């Protein structure tokens, strides 16, 4: 598509709120997923460390 101005680009033919809102929600969900994965990975490492110390006792 070819827009006449930046304002027309951001408006997306009247669907700008839906389009940019969808992009925003997708980015938010991806960031949350990455954060949760990192959190779970840290929990697993801590649990493995505890298991290792229990085995050595």
N, C-alpha and C. Protein backbone atom coordinates (compact mmCIF):
# COMPACT_ATOMS: atom_id res chain seq x y z
N UNK A 1 0.83 -1.19 0.00
CA UNK A 1 0.00 0.00 0.00
C UNK A 1 0.87 1.25 0.00
N UNK A 2 0.30 2.29 -0.49
CA UNK A 2 1.00 3.56 -0.57
C UNK A 2 0.18 4.62 0.19
N UNK A 3 0.75 5.18 1.26
CA UNK A 3 0.04 6.17 2.05
C UNK A 3 0.53 7.56 1.68
N UNK A 4 -0.38 8.53 1.81
CA UNK A 4 -0.04 9.92 1.47
C UNK A 4 0.80 10.58 2.54
N UNK A 5 0.64 10.15 3.78
CA UNK A 5 1.36 10.76 4.90
C UNK A 5 1.53 9.74 6.02
N UNK A 6 2.31 10.14 7.01
CA UNK A 6 2.49 9.28 8.18
C UNK A 6 1.18 9.12 8.94
N UNK A 7 0.40 10.17 8.98
CA UNK A 7 -0.89 10.10 9.66
C UNK A 7 -1.78 9.05 9.01
N UNK A 8 -1.79 9.01 7.69
CA UNK A 8 -2.57 8.00 6.98
C UNK A 8 -2.02 6.60 7.25
N UNK A 9 -0.70 6.48 7.36
CA UNK A 9 -0.10 5.20 7.68
C UNK A 9 -0.56 4.71 9.05
N UNK A 10 -0.48 5.58 10.07
CA UNK A 10 -0.88 5.19 11.42
C UNK A 10 -2.37 4.91 11.51
N UNK A 11 -3.17 5.59 10.72
CA UNK A 11 -4.63 5.38 10.75
C UNK A 11 -5.02 4.07 10.07
N UNK A 12 -4.22 3.60 9.13
CA UNK A 12 -4.45 2.33 8.42
C UNK A 12 -5.87 2.24 7.85
N UNK A 13 -6.31 3.29 7.22
CA UNK A 13 -7.62 3.26 6.58
C UNK A 13 -8.77 3.14 7.56
N UNK A 14 -8.59 3.63 8.76
CA UNK A 14 -9.64 3.57 9.78
C UNK A 14 -9.50 2.37 10.71
N UNK A 15 -8.59 1.47 10.42
CA UNK A 15 -8.40 0.27 11.24
C UNK A 15 -7.14 0.34 12.08
N UNK A 16 -6.56 1.50 12.20
CA UNK A 16 -5.30 1.66 12.91
C UNK A 16 -5.34 1.21 14.36
N UNK A 17 -6.42 1.54 15.05
CA UNK A 17 -6.53 1.16 16.46
C UNK A 17 -6.51 -0.36 16.58
N UNK A 18 -7.23 -1.05 15.73
CA UNK A 18 -7.26 -2.51 15.76
C UNK A 18 -5.89 -3.09 15.38
N UNK A 19 -5.31 -2.58 14.31
CA UNK A 19 -4.03 -3.11 13.83
C UNK A 19 -2.93 -2.89 14.87
N UNK A 20 -2.75 -1.67 15.33
CA UNK A 20 -1.68 -1.37 16.28
C UNK A 20 -1.96 -1.95 17.65
N UNK A 21 -3.23 -2.03 18.02
CA UNK A 21 -3.58 -2.69 19.28
C UNK A 21 -3.22 -4.17 19.24
N UNK A 22 -3.46 -4.81 18.09
CA UNK A 22 -3.11 -6.22 17.93
C UNK A 22 -1.60 -6.42 18.00
N UNK A 23 -0.85 -5.56 17.35
CA UNK A 23 0.61 -5.64 17.44
C UNK A 23 1.07 -5.46 18.88
N UNK A 24 0.50 -4.49 19.56
CA UNK A 24 0.87 -4.23 20.95
C UNK A 24 0.58 -5.42 21.86
N UNK A 25 -0.61 -6.01 21.72
CA UNK A 25 -0.97 -7.16 22.55
C UNK A 25 -0.07 -8.36 22.25
N UNK A 26 0.28 -8.54 20.98
CA UNK A 26 1.17 -9.64 20.61
C UNK A 26 2.53 -9.46 21.25
N UNK A 27 3.07 -8.25 21.18
CA UNK A 27 4.37 -7.97 21.81
C UNK A 27 4.30 -8.15 23.32
N UNK A 28 3.20 -7.74 23.92
CA UNK A 28 3.02 -7.90 25.36
C UNK A 28 2.99 -9.38 25.74
N UNK A 29 2.26 -10.18 24.98
CA UNK A 29 2.19 -11.62 25.25
C UNK A 29 3.55 -12.30 25.05
N UNK A 30 4.28 -11.91 24.02
CA UNK A 30 5.61 -12.48 23.80
C UNK A 30 6.56 -12.12 24.94
N UNK A 31 6.50 -10.88 25.39
CA UNK A 31 7.37 -10.46 26.51
C UNK A 31 7.00 -11.22 27.78
N UNK A 32 5.70 -11.41 28.03
CA UNK A 32 5.28 -12.17 29.21
C UNK A 32 5.74 -13.62 29.11
N UNK A 33 5.63 -14.21 27.93
CA UNK A 33 6.06 -15.60 27.74
C UNK A 33 7.55 -15.75 27.99
N UNK A 34 8.34 -14.83 27.48
CA UNK A 34 9.79 -14.88 27.70
C UNK A 34 10.11 -14.72 29.19
N UNK A 35 9.42 -13.81 29.85
CA UNK A 35 9.63 -13.62 31.29
C UNK A 35 9.27 -14.86 32.08
N UNK A 36 8.14 -15.50 31.74
CA UNK A 36 7.74 -16.71 32.44
C UNK A 36 8.72 -17.86 32.19
N UNK A 37 9.19 -17.98 30.96
CA UNK A 37 10.17 -19.03 30.66
C UNK A 37 11.46 -18.85 31.45
N UNK A 38 11.92 -17.62 31.56
CA UNK A 38 13.14 -17.35 32.34
C UNK A 38 12.91 -17.66 33.81
N UNK A 39 11.74 -17.29 34.32
CA UNK A 39 11.42 -17.55 35.72
C UNK A 39 11.37 -19.05 36.00
N UNK A 40 10.73 -19.81 35.13
CA UNK A 40 10.64 -21.25 35.32
C UNK A 40 12.01 -21.92 35.21
N UNK A 41 12.83 -21.43 34.29
CA UNK A 41 14.17 -21.98 34.14
C UNK A 41 14.97 -21.78 35.42
N UNK A 42 14.87 -20.60 36.01
CA UNK A 42 15.57 -20.32 37.26
C UNK A 42 15.08 -21.23 38.38
N UNK A 43 13.77 -21.46 38.44
CA UNK A 43 13.22 -22.35 39.46
C UNK A 43 13.75 -23.78 39.28
N UNK A 44 13.83 -24.23 38.04
CA UNK A 44 14.34 -25.58 37.77
C UNK A 44 15.79 -25.69 38.18
N UNK A 45 16.61 -24.68 37.87
CA UNK A 45 18.03 -24.72 38.26
C UNK A 45 18.16 -24.77 39.78
N UNK A 46 17.35 -23.98 40.48
CA UNK A 46 17.41 -23.99 41.95
C UNK A 46 17.00 -25.35 42.50
N UNK A 47 15.95 -25.93 41.92
CA UNK A 47 15.50 -27.24 42.37
C UNK A 47 16.57 -28.31 42.12
N UNK A 48 17.22 -28.23 40.97
CA UNK A 48 18.29 -29.19 40.67
C UNK A 48 19.47 -29.04 41.63
N UNK A 49 19.80 -27.81 41.99
CA UNK A 49 20.88 -27.59 42.95
C UNK A 49 20.54 -28.20 44.30
N UNK A 50 19.27 -28.01 44.74
CA UNK A 50 18.85 -28.60 46.01
C UNK A 50 18.92 -30.11 45.96
N UNK A 51 18.49 -30.70 44.85
CA UNK A 51 18.53 -32.15 44.70
C UNK A 51 19.97 -32.67 44.72
N UNK A 52 20.86 -31.91 44.13
CA UNK A 52 22.27 -32.32 44.11
C UNK A 52 22.85 -32.31 45.51
N UNK A 53 22.51 -31.29 46.31
CA UNK A 53 23.04 -31.23 47.67
C UNK A 53 22.42 -32.31 48.53
N UNK A 54 21.17 -32.70 48.30
CA UNK A 54 20.55 -33.78 49.05
C UNK A 54 21.23 -35.11 48.73
N UNK A 55 21.60 -35.32 47.46
CA UNK A 55 22.25 -36.57 47.07
C UNK A 55 23.64 -36.71 47.71
N UNK A 56 24.31 -35.60 47.89
CA UNK A 56 25.68 -35.65 48.41
C UNK A 56 25.71 -35.83 49.92
N UNK A 57 24.60 -35.69 50.61
CA UNK A 57 24.58 -35.79 52.06
C UNK A 57 24.51 -37.20 52.53
